[in-house]
mmCIF file of all heavy atoms, coordinates in Angstrom:
data_MODEL
# 
_entry.id   MODEL 
# 
loop_
_atom_site.group_PDB 
_atom_site.id 
_atom_site.type_symbol 
_atom_site.label_atom_id 
_atom_site.label_alt_id 
_atom_site.label_comp_id 
_atom_site.label_asym_id 
_atom_site.label_entity_id 
_atom_site.label_seq_id 
_atom_site.pdbx_PDB_ins_code 
_atom_site.Cartn_x 
_atom_site.Cartn_y 
_atom_site.Cartn_z 
_atom_site.occupancy 
_atom_site.B_iso_or_equiv 
_atom_site.pdbx_formal_charge 
_atom_site.auth_seq_id 
_atom_site.auth_comp_id 
_atom_site.auth_asym_id 
_atom_site.auth_atom_id 
_atom_site.pdbx_PDB_model_num 
ATOM 1   N N   . ASP A 1 1  ? 3.038   6.646   -15.451 1.00 0.00 ? 1  ASP A N   1 
ATOM 2   C CA  . ASP A 1 1  ? 2.744   8.015   -15.051 1.00 0.00 ? 1  ASP A CA  1 
ATOM 3   C C   . ASP A 1 1  ? 1.422   8.017   -14.296 1.00 0.00 ? 1  ASP A C   1 
ATOM 4   O O   . ASP A 1 1  ? 0.627   7.071   -14.400 1.00 0.00 ? 1  ASP A O   1 
ATOM 5   C CB  . ASP A 1 1  ? 2.636   8.912   -16.278 1.00 0.00 ? 1  ASP A CB  1 
ATOM 6   C CG  . ASP A 1 1  ? 3.973   9.086   -16.991 1.00 0.00 ? 1  ASP A CG  1 
ATOM 7   O OD1 . ASP A 1 1  ? 5.016   9.040   -16.306 1.00 0.00 ? 1  ASP A OD1 1 
ATOM 8   O OD2 . ASP A 1 1  ? 3.959   9.244   -18.225 1.00 0.00 ? 1  ASP A OD2 1 
ATOM 9   N N   . PRO A 1 2  ? 1.145   9.072   -13.498 1.00 0.00 ? 2  PRO A N   1 
ATOM 10  C CA  . PRO A 1 2  ? -0.131  9.129   -12.781 1.00 0.00 ? 2  PRO A CA  1 
ATOM 11  C C   . PRO A 1 2  ? -1.324  9.037   -13.722 1.00 0.00 ? 2  PRO A C   1 
ATOM 12  O O   . PRO A 1 2  ? -1.366  9.683   -14.771 1.00 0.00 ? 2  PRO A O   1 
ATOM 13  C CB  . PRO A 1 2  ? -0.068  10.489  -12.083 1.00 0.00 ? 2  PRO A CB  1 
ATOM 14  C CG  . PRO A 1 2  ? 1.388   10.764  -11.929 1.00 0.00 ? 2  PRO A CG  1 
ATOM 15  C CD  . PRO A 1 2  ? 2.036   10.183  -13.140 1.00 0.00 ? 2  PRO A CD  1 
ATOM 16  N N   . ILE A 1 3  ? -2.279  8.202   -13.341 1.00 0.00 ? 3  ILE A N   1 
ATOM 17  C CA  . ILE A 1 3  ? -3.499  7.988   -14.121 1.00 0.00 ? 3  ILE A CA  1 
ATOM 18  C C   . ILE A 1 3  ? -4.663  8.597   -13.351 1.00 0.00 ? 3  ILE A C   1 
ATOM 19  O O   . ILE A 1 3  ? -4.865  8.280   -12.176 1.00 0.00 ? 3  ILE A O   1 
ATOM 20  C CB  . ILE A 1 3  ? -3.750  6.480   -14.338 1.00 0.00 ? 3  ILE A CB  1 
ATOM 21  C CG1 . ILE A 1 3  ? -2.565  5.831   -15.046 1.00 0.00 ? 3  ILE A CG1 1 
ATOM 22  C CG2 . ILE A 1 3  ? -5.039  6.240   -15.103 1.00 0.00 ? 3  ILE A CG2 1 
ATOM 23  C CD1 . ILE A 1 3  ? -2.453  4.340   -14.799 1.00 0.00 ? 3  ILE A CD1 1 
ATOM 24  N N   . ALA A 1 4  ? -5.419  9.482   -13.990 1.00 0.00 ? 4  ALA A N   1 
ATOM 25  C CA  . ALA A 1 4  ? -6.558  10.126  -13.334 1.00 0.00 ? 4  ALA A CA  1 
ATOM 26  C C   . ALA A 1 4  ? -7.702  9.119   -13.200 1.00 0.00 ? 4  ALA A C   1 
ATOM 27  O O   . ALA A 1 4  ? -8.329  8.740   -14.181 1.00 0.00 ? 4  ALA A O   1 
ATOM 28  C CB  . ALA A 1 4  ? -7.007  11.345  -14.117 1.00 0.00 ? 4  ALA A CB  1 
ATOM 29  N N   . VAL A 1 5  ? -7.938  8.672   -11.975 1.00 0.00 ? 5  VAL A N   1 
ATOM 30  C CA  . VAL A 1 5  ? -8.999  7.698   -11.705 1.00 0.00 ? 5  VAL A CA  1 
ATOM 31  C C   . VAL A 1 5  ? -10.251 8.397   -11.184 1.00 0.00 ? 5  VAL A C   1 
ATOM 32  O O   . VAL A 1 5  ? -11.369 8.067   -11.569 1.00 0.00 ? 5  VAL A O   1 
ATOM 33  C CB  . VAL A 1 5  ? -8.509  6.651   -10.671 1.00 0.00 ? 5  VAL A CB  1 
ATOM 34  C CG1 . VAL A 1 5  ? -9.639  5.713   -10.264 1.00 0.00 ? 5  VAL A CG1 1 
ATOM 35  C CG2 . VAL A 1 5  ? -7.344  5.854   -11.240 1.00 0.00 ? 5  VAL A CG2 1 
ATOM 36  N N   . ASP A 1 6  ? -10.067 9.369   -10.315 1.00 0.00 ? 6  ASP A N   1 
ATOM 37  C CA  . ASP A 1 6  ? -11.164 10.057  -9.634  1.00 0.00 ? 6  ASP A CA  1 
ATOM 38  C C   . ASP A 1 6  ? -10.936 11.559  -9.766  1.00 0.00 ? 6  ASP A C   1 
ATOM 39  O O   . ASP A 1 6  ? -9.954  12.089  -9.252  1.00 0.00 ? 6  ASP A O   1 
ATOM 40  C CB  . ASP A 1 6  ? -11.191 9.637   -8.163  1.00 0.00 ? 6  ASP A CB  1 
ATOM 41  C CG  . ASP A 1 6  ? -12.417 10.135  -7.417  1.00 0.00 ? 6  ASP A CG  1 
ATOM 42  O OD1 . ASP A 1 6  ? -12.961 11.173  -7.807  1.00 0.00 ? 6  ASP A OD1 1 
ATOM 43  O OD2 . ASP A 1 6  ? -12.822 9.488   -6.432  1.00 0.00 ? 6  ASP A OD2 1 
ATOM 44  N N   . SER A 1 7  ? -11.842 12.252  -10.444 1.00 0.00 ? 7  SER A N   1 
ATOM 45  C CA  . SER A 1 7  ? -11.631 13.672  -10.725 1.00 0.00 ? 7  SER A CA  1 
ATOM 46  C C   . SER A 1 7  ? -12.070 14.587  -9.593  1.00 0.00 ? 7  SER A C   1 
ATOM 47  O O   . SER A 1 7  ? -11.770 15.778  -9.603  1.00 0.00 ? 7  SER A O   1 
ATOM 48  C CB  . SER A 1 7  ? -12.389 14.068  -12.000 1.00 0.00 ? 7  SER A CB  1 
ATOM 49  O OG  . SER A 1 7  ? -13.786 13.858  -11.835 1.00 0.00 ? 7  SER A OG  1 
ATOM 50  N N   . GLN A 1 8  ? -12.783 14.041  -8.583  1.00 0.00 ? 8  GLN A N   1 
ATOM 51  C CA  . GLN A 1 8  ? -13.356 14.898  -7.551  1.00 0.00 ? 8  GLN A CA  1 
ATOM 52  C C   . GLN A 1 8  ? -12.871 14.589  -6.140  1.00 0.00 ? 8  GLN A C   1 
ATOM 53  O O   . GLN A 1 8  ? -12.777 15.497  -5.307  1.00 0.00 ? 8  GLN A O   1 
ATOM 54  C CB  . GLN A 1 8  ? -14.893 14.798  -7.569  1.00 0.00 ? 8  GLN A CB  1 
ATOM 55  C CG  . GLN A 1 8  ? -15.513 15.326  -8.851  1.00 0.00 ? 8  GLN A CG  1 
ATOM 56  C CD  . GLN A 1 8  ? -17.029 15.239  -8.819  1.00 0.00 ? 8  GLN A CD  1 
ATOM 57  O OE1 . GLN A 1 8  ? -17.594 14.361  -8.178  1.00 0.00 ? 8  GLN A OE1 1 
ATOM 58  N NE2 . GLN A 1 8  ? -17.680 16.155  -9.509  1.00 0.00 ? 8  GLN A NE2 1 
ATOM 59  N N   . ASP A 1 9  ? -12.559 13.352  -5.851  1.00 0.00 ? 9  ASP A N   1 
ATOM 60  C CA  . ASP A 1 9  ? -12.309 12.951  -4.473  1.00 0.00 ? 9  ASP A CA  1 
ATOM 61  C C   . ASP A 1 9  ? -10.928 12.335  -4.296  1.00 0.00 ? 9  ASP A C   1 
ATOM 62  O O   . ASP A 1 9  ? -10.252 11.989  -5.263  1.00 0.00 ? 9  ASP A O   1 
ATOM 63  C CB  . ASP A 1 9  ? -13.379 11.953  -4.008  1.00 0.00 ? 9  ASP A CB  1 
ATOM 64  C CG  . ASP A 1 9  ? -14.765 12.566  -4.005  1.00 0.00 ? 9  ASP A CG  1 
ATOM 65  O OD1 . ASP A 1 9  ? -14.977 13.508  -3.233  1.00 0.00 ? 9  ASP A OD1 1 
ATOM 66  O OD2 . ASP A 1 9  ? -15.619 12.103  -4.787  1.00 0.00 ? 9  ASP A OD2 1 
ATOM 67  N N   . SER A 1 10 ? -10.546 12.181  -3.035  1.00 0.00 ? 10 SER A N   1 
ATOM 68  C CA  . SER A 1 10 ? -9.261  11.600  -2.675  1.00 0.00 ? 10 SER A CA  1 
ATOM 69  C C   . SER A 1 10 ? -9.382  10.089  -2.583  1.00 0.00 ? 10 SER A C   1 
ATOM 70  O O   . SER A 1 10 ? -10.291 9.567   -1.927  1.00 0.00 ? 10 SER A O   1 
ATOM 71  C CB  . SER A 1 10 ? -8.808  12.168  -1.326  1.00 0.00 ? 10 SER A CB  1 
ATOM 72  O OG  . SER A 1 10 ? -7.677  11.484  -0.836  1.00 0.00 ? 10 SER A OG  1 
ATOM 73  N N   . LEU A 1 11 ? -8.475  9.365   -3.230  1.00 0.00 ? 11 LEU A N   1 
ATOM 74  C CA  . LEU A 1 11 ? -8.434  7.913   -3.099  1.00 0.00 ? 11 LEU A CA  1 
ATOM 75  C C   . LEU A 1 11 ? -7.798  7.569   -1.754  1.00 0.00 ? 11 LEU A C   1 
ATOM 76  O O   . LEU A 1 11 ? -6.711  8.037   -1.432  1.00 0.00 ? 11 LEU A O   1 
ATOM 77  C CB  . LEU A 1 11 ? -7.652  7.289   -4.242  1.00 0.00 ? 11 LEU A CB  1 
ATOM 78  C CG  . LEU A 1 11 ? -8.293  7.438   -5.634  1.00 0.00 ? 11 LEU A CG  1 
ATOM 79  C CD1 . LEU A 1 11 ? -7.347  6.961   -6.716  1.00 0.00 ? 11 LEU A CD1 1 
ATOM 80  C CD2 . LEU A 1 11 ? -9.610  6.669   -5.713  1.00 0.00 ? 11 LEU A CD2 1 
ATOM 81  N N   . THR A 1 12 ? -8.481  6.771   -0.969  1.00 0.00 ? 12 THR A N   1 
ATOM 82  C CA  . THR A 1 12 ? -8.065  6.524   0.413   1.00 0.00 ? 12 THR A CA  1 
ATOM 83  C C   . THR A 1 12 ? -7.463  5.146   0.641   1.00 0.00 ? 12 THR A C   1 
ATOM 84  O O   . THR A 1 12 ? -6.769  4.938   1.636   1.00 0.00 ? 12 THR A O   1 
ATOM 85  C CB  . THR A 1 12 ? -9.267  6.686   1.356   1.00 0.00 ? 12 THR A CB  1 
ATOM 86  O OG1 . THR A 1 12 ? -10.328 5.810   0.924   1.00 0.00 ? 12 THR A OG1 1 
ATOM 87  C CG2 . THR A 1 12 ? -9.783  8.126   1.352   1.00 0.00 ? 12 THR A CG2 1 
ATOM 88  N N   . SER A 1 13 ? -7.725  4.191   -0.243  1.00 0.00 ? 13 SER A N   1 
ATOM 89  C CA  . SER A 1 13 ? -7.246  2.827   -0.014  1.00 0.00 ? 13 SER A CA  1 
ATOM 90  C C   . SER A 1 13 ? -7.273  2.060   -1.331  1.00 0.00 ? 13 SER A C   1 
ATOM 91  O O   . SER A 1 13 ? -8.057  2.382   -2.238  1.00 0.00 ? 13 SER A O   1 
ATOM 92  C CB  . SER A 1 13 ? -8.134  2.125   1.025   1.00 0.00 ? 13 SER A CB  1 
ATOM 93  O OG  . SER A 1 13 ? -7.684  0.806   1.290   1.00 0.00 ? 13 SER A OG  1 
ATOM 94  N N   . VAL A 1 14 ? -6.420  1.037   -1.437  1.00 0.00 ? 14 VAL A N   1 
ATOM 95  C CA  . VAL A 1 14 ? -6.393  0.186   -2.628  1.00 0.00 ? 14 VAL A CA  1 
ATOM 96  C C   . VAL A 1 14 ? -6.008  -1.221  -2.204  1.00 0.00 ? 14 VAL A C   1 
ATOM 97  O O   . VAL A 1 14 ? -5.240  -1.419  -1.258  1.00 0.00 ? 14 VAL A O   1 
ATOM 98  C CB  . VAL A 1 14 ? -5.413  0.740   -3.690  1.00 0.00 ? 14 VAL A CB  1 
ATOM 99  C CG1 . VAL A 1 14 ? -3.984  0.769   -3.167  1.00 0.00 ? 14 VAL A CG1 1 
ATOM 100 C CG2 . VAL A 1 14 ? -5.500  -0.040  -4.993  1.00 0.00 ? 14 VAL A CG2 1 
ATOM 101 N N   . SER A 1 15 ? -6.562  -2.211  -2.889  1.00 0.00 ? 15 SER A N   1 
ATOM 102 C CA  . SER A 1 15 ? -6.262  -3.613  -2.598  1.00 0.00 ? 15 SER A CA  1 
ATOM 103 C C   . SER A 1 15 ? -6.155  -4.388  -3.903  1.00 0.00 ? 15 SER A C   1 
ATOM 104 O O   . SER A 1 15 ? -7.040  -4.309  -4.758  1.00 0.00 ? 15 SER A O   1 
ATOM 105 C CB  . SER A 1 15 ? -7.352  -4.225  -1.713  1.00 0.00 ? 15 SER A CB  1 
ATOM 106 O OG  . SER A 1 15 ? -7.061  -5.573  -1.394  1.00 0.00 ? 15 SER A OG  1 
ATOM 107 N N   . CYS A 1 16 ? -5.045  -5.135  -4.072  1.00 0.00 ? 16 CYS A N   1 
ATOM 108 C CA  . CYS A 1 16 ? -4.771  -5.882  -5.305  1.00 0.00 ? 16 CYS A CA  1 
ATOM 109 C C   . CYS A 1 16 ? -4.499  -7.352  -4.975  1.00 0.00 ? 16 CYS A C   1 
ATOM 110 O O   . CYS A 1 16 ? -3.370  -7.708  -4.608  1.00 0.00 ? 16 CYS A O   1 
ATOM 111 C CB  . CYS A 1 16 ? -3.570  -5.299  -6.028  1.00 0.00 ? 16 CYS A CB  1 
ATOM 112 S SG  . CYS A 1 16 ? -3.711  -3.555  -6.476  1.00 0.00 ? 16 CYS A SG  1 
ATOM 113 N N   . PRO A 1 17 ? -5.477  -8.236  -5.093  1.00 0.00 ? 17 PRO A N   1 
ATOM 114 C CA  . PRO A 1 17 ? -5.224  -9.647  -4.806  1.00 0.00 ? 17 PRO A CA  1 
ATOM 115 C C   . PRO A 1 17 ? -4.497  -10.387 -5.931  1.00 0.00 ? 17 PRO A C   1 
ATOM 116 O O   . PRO A 1 17 ? -3.906  -11.431 -5.697  1.00 0.00 ? 17 PRO A O   1 
ATOM 117 C CB  . PRO A 1 17 ? -6.625  -10.216 -4.593  1.00 0.00 ? 17 PRO A CB  1 
ATOM 118 C CG  . PRO A 1 17 ? -7.508  -9.339  -5.429  1.00 0.00 ? 17 PRO A CG  1 
ATOM 119 C CD  . PRO A 1 17 ? -6.889  -7.966  -5.369  1.00 0.00 ? 17 PRO A CD  1 
ATOM 120 N N   . THR A 1 18 ? -4.568  -9.844  -7.165  1.00 0.00 ? 18 THR A N   1 
ATOM 121 C CA  . THR A 1 18 ? -3.878  -10.457 -8.300  1.00 0.00 ? 18 THR A CA  1 
ATOM 122 C C   . THR A 1 18 ? -3.247  -9.344  -9.140  1.00 0.00 ? 18 THR A C   1 
ATOM 123 O O   . THR A 1 18 ? -3.607  -8.175  -8.999  1.00 0.00 ? 18 THR A O   1 
ATOM 124 C CB  . THR A 1 18 ? -4.833  -11.275 -9.197  1.00 0.00 ? 18 THR A CB  1 
ATOM 125 O OG1 . THR A 1 18 ? -5.669  -10.376 -9.944  1.00 0.00 ? 18 THR A OG1 1 
ATOM 126 C CG2 . THR A 1 18 ? -5.694  -12.227 -8.374  1.00 0.00 ? 18 THR A CG2 1 
ATOM 127 N N   . PRO A 1 19 ? -2.334  -9.681  -10.054 1.00 0.00 ? 19 PRO A N   1 
ATOM 128 C CA  . PRO A 1 19 ? -1.717  -8.654  -10.896 1.00 0.00 ? 19 PRO A CA  1 
ATOM 129 C C   . PRO A 1 19 ? -2.693  -7.948  -11.826 1.00 0.00 ? 19 PRO A C   1 
ATOM 130 O O   . PRO A 1 19 ? -2.384  -6.863  -12.331 1.00 0.00 ? 19 PRO A O   1 
ATOM 131 C CB  . PRO A 1 19 ? -0.675  -9.444  -11.701 1.00 0.00 ? 19 PRO A CB  1 
ATOM 132 C CG  . PRO A 1 19 ? -0.354  -10.618 -10.853 1.00 0.00 ? 19 PRO A CG  1 
ATOM 133 C CD  . PRO A 1 19 ? -1.645  -10.982 -10.193 1.00 0.00 ? 19 PRO A CD  1 
ATOM 134 N N   . THR A 1 20 ? -3.852  -8.520  -12.090 1.00 0.00 ? 20 THR A N   1 
ATOM 135 C CA  . THR A 1 20 ? -4.798  -7.918  -13.034 1.00 0.00 ? 20 THR A CA  1 
ATOM 136 C C   . THR A 1 20 ? -6.118  -7.522  -12.378 1.00 0.00 ? 20 THR A C   1 
ATOM 137 O O   . THR A 1 20 ? -7.116  -7.340  -13.066 1.00 0.00 ? 20 THR A O   1 
ATOM 138 C CB  . THR A 1 20 ? -5.081  -8.877  -14.202 1.00 0.00 ? 20 THR A CB  1 
ATOM 139 O OG1 . THR A 1 20 ? -5.580  -10.126 -13.689 1.00 0.00 ? 20 THR A OG1 1 
ATOM 140 C CG2 . THR A 1 20 ? -3.822  -9.128  -15.021 1.00 0.00 ? 20 THR A CG2 1 
ATOM 141 N N   . PHE A 1 21 ? -6.116  -7.369  -11.045 1.00 0.00 ? 21 PHE A N   1 
ATOM 142 C CA  . PHE A 1 21 ? -7.342  -6.945  -10.375 1.00 0.00 ? 21 PHE A CA  1 
ATOM 143 C C   . PHE A 1 21 ? -7.002  -6.132  -9.137  1.00 0.00 ? 21 PHE A C   1 
ATOM 144 O O   . PHE A 1 21 ? -6.275  -6.595  -8.257  1.00 0.00 ? 21 PHE A O   1 
ATOM 145 C CB  . PHE A 1 21 ? -8.199  -8.145  -9.967  1.00 0.00 ? 21 PHE A CB  1 
ATOM 146 C CG  . PHE A 1 21 ? -9.518  -7.753  -9.343  1.00 0.00 ? 21 PHE A CG  1 
ATOM 147 C CD1 . PHE A 1 21 ? -10.638 -7.554  -10.134 1.00 0.00 ? 21 PHE A CD1 1 
ATOM 148 C CD2 . PHE A 1 21 ? -9.637  -7.565  -7.973  1.00 0.00 ? 21 PHE A CD2 1 
ATOM 149 C CE1 . PHE A 1 21 ? -11.849 -7.178  -9.562  1.00 0.00 ? 21 PHE A CE1 1 
ATOM 150 C CE2 . PHE A 1 21 ? -10.837 -7.189  -7.402  1.00 0.00 ? 21 PHE A CE2 1 
ATOM 151 C CZ  . PHE A 1 21 ? -11.953 -6.991  -8.200  1.00 0.00 ? 21 PHE A CZ  1 
ATOM 152 N N   . CYS A 1 22 ? -7.534  -4.907  -9.080  1.00 0.00 ? 22 CYS A N   1 
ATOM 153 C CA  . CYS A 1 22 ? -7.398  -4.050  -7.905  1.00 0.00 ? 22 CYS A CA  1 
ATOM 154 C C   . CYS A 1 22 ? -8.702  -3.287  -7.706  1.00 0.00 ? 22 CYS A C   1 
ATOM 155 O O   . CYS A 1 22 ? -9.429  -3.013  -8.666  1.00 0.00 ? 22 CYS A O   1 
ATOM 156 C CB  . CYS A 1 22 ? -6.279  -3.026  -8.071  1.00 0.00 ? 22 CYS A CB  1 
ATOM 157 S SG  . CYS A 1 22 ? -4.623  -3.697  -8.300  1.00 0.00 ? 22 CYS A SG  1 
ATOM 158 N N   . VAL A 1 23 ? -8.971  -2.930  -6.476  1.00 0.00 ? 23 VAL A N   1 
ATOM 159 C CA  . VAL A 1 23 ? -10.083 -2.041  -6.146  1.00 0.00 ? 23 VAL A CA  1 
ATOM 160 C C   . VAL A 1 23 ? -9.549  -0.902  -5.291  1.00 0.00 ? 23 VAL A C   1 
ATOM 161 O O   . VAL A 1 23 ? -8.833  -1.137  -4.312  1.00 0.00 ? 23 VAL A O   1 
ATOM 162 C CB  . VAL A 1 23 ? -11.213 -2.779  -5.411  1.00 0.00 ? 23 VAL A CB  1 
ATOM 163 C CG1 . VAL A 1 23 ? -12.251 -1.791  -4.880  1.00 0.00 ? 23 VAL A CG1 1 
ATOM 164 C CG2 . VAL A 1 23 ? -11.891 -3.779  -6.341  1.00 0.00 ? 23 VAL A CG2 1 
ATOM 165 N N   . ALA A 1 24 ? -9.882  0.331   -5.672  1.00 0.00 ? 24 ALA A N   1 
ATOM 166 C CA  . ALA A 1 24 ? -9.558  1.514   -4.882  1.00 0.00 ? 24 ALA A CA  1 
ATOM 167 C C   . ALA A 1 24 ? -10.859 2.167   -4.436  1.00 0.00 ? 24 ALA A C   1 
ATOM 168 O O   . ALA A 1 24 ? -11.873 2.082   -5.139  1.00 0.00 ? 24 ALA A O   1 
ATOM 169 C CB  . ALA A 1 24 ? -8.729  2.497   -5.697  1.00 0.00 ? 24 ALA A CB  1 
ATOM 170 N N   . VAL A 1 25 ? -10.836 2.814   -3.273  1.00 0.00 ? 25 VAL A N   1 
ATOM 171 C CA  . VAL A 1 25 ? -12.016 3.512   -2.771  1.00 0.00 ? 25 VAL A CA  1 
ATOM 172 C C   . VAL A 1 25 ? -11.644 4.957   -2.453  1.00 0.00 ? 25 VAL A C   1 
ATOM 173 O O   . VAL A 1 25 ? -10.469 5.286   -2.253  1.00 0.00 ? 25 VAL A O   1 
ATOM 174 C CB  . VAL A 1 25 ? -12.616 2.828   -1.522  1.00 0.00 ? 25 VAL A CB  1 
ATOM 175 C CG1 . VAL A 1 25 ? -13.155 1.449   -1.878  1.00 0.00 ? 25 VAL A CG1 1 
ATOM 176 C CG2 . VAL A 1 25 ? -11.598 2.733   -0.394  1.00 0.00 ? 25 VAL A CG2 1 
ATOM 177 N N   . ASP A 1 26 ? -12.677 5.833   -2.399  1.00 0.00 ? 26 ASP A N   1 
ATOM 178 C CA  . ASP A 1 26 ? -12.413 7.241   -2.162  1.00 0.00 ? 26 ASP A CA  1 
ATOM 179 C C   . ASP A 1 26 ? -13.248 7.788   -1.014  1.00 0.00 ? 26 ASP A C   1 
ATOM 180 O O   . ASP A 1 26 ? -14.106 7.097   -0.451  1.00 0.00 ? 26 ASP A O   1 
ATOM 181 C CB  . ASP A 1 26 ? -12.621 8.061   -3.439  1.00 0.00 ? 26 ASP A CB  1 
ATOM 182 C CG  . ASP A 1 26 ? -14.081 8.177   -3.869  1.00 0.00 ? 26 ASP A CG  1 
ATOM 183 O OD1 . ASP A 1 26 ? -14.999 7.832   -3.086  1.00 0.00 ? 26 ASP A OD1 1 
ATOM 184 O OD2 . ASP A 1 26 ? -14.326 8.621   -5.000  1.00 0.00 ? 26 ASP A OD2 1 
# 
């Protein structure tokens, strides 16, 4: 289900090099 990551801003990009590591930016 959707997980609230950022309560104020829009997430604009995400990158996942491995199954257990991702970075998203807003």
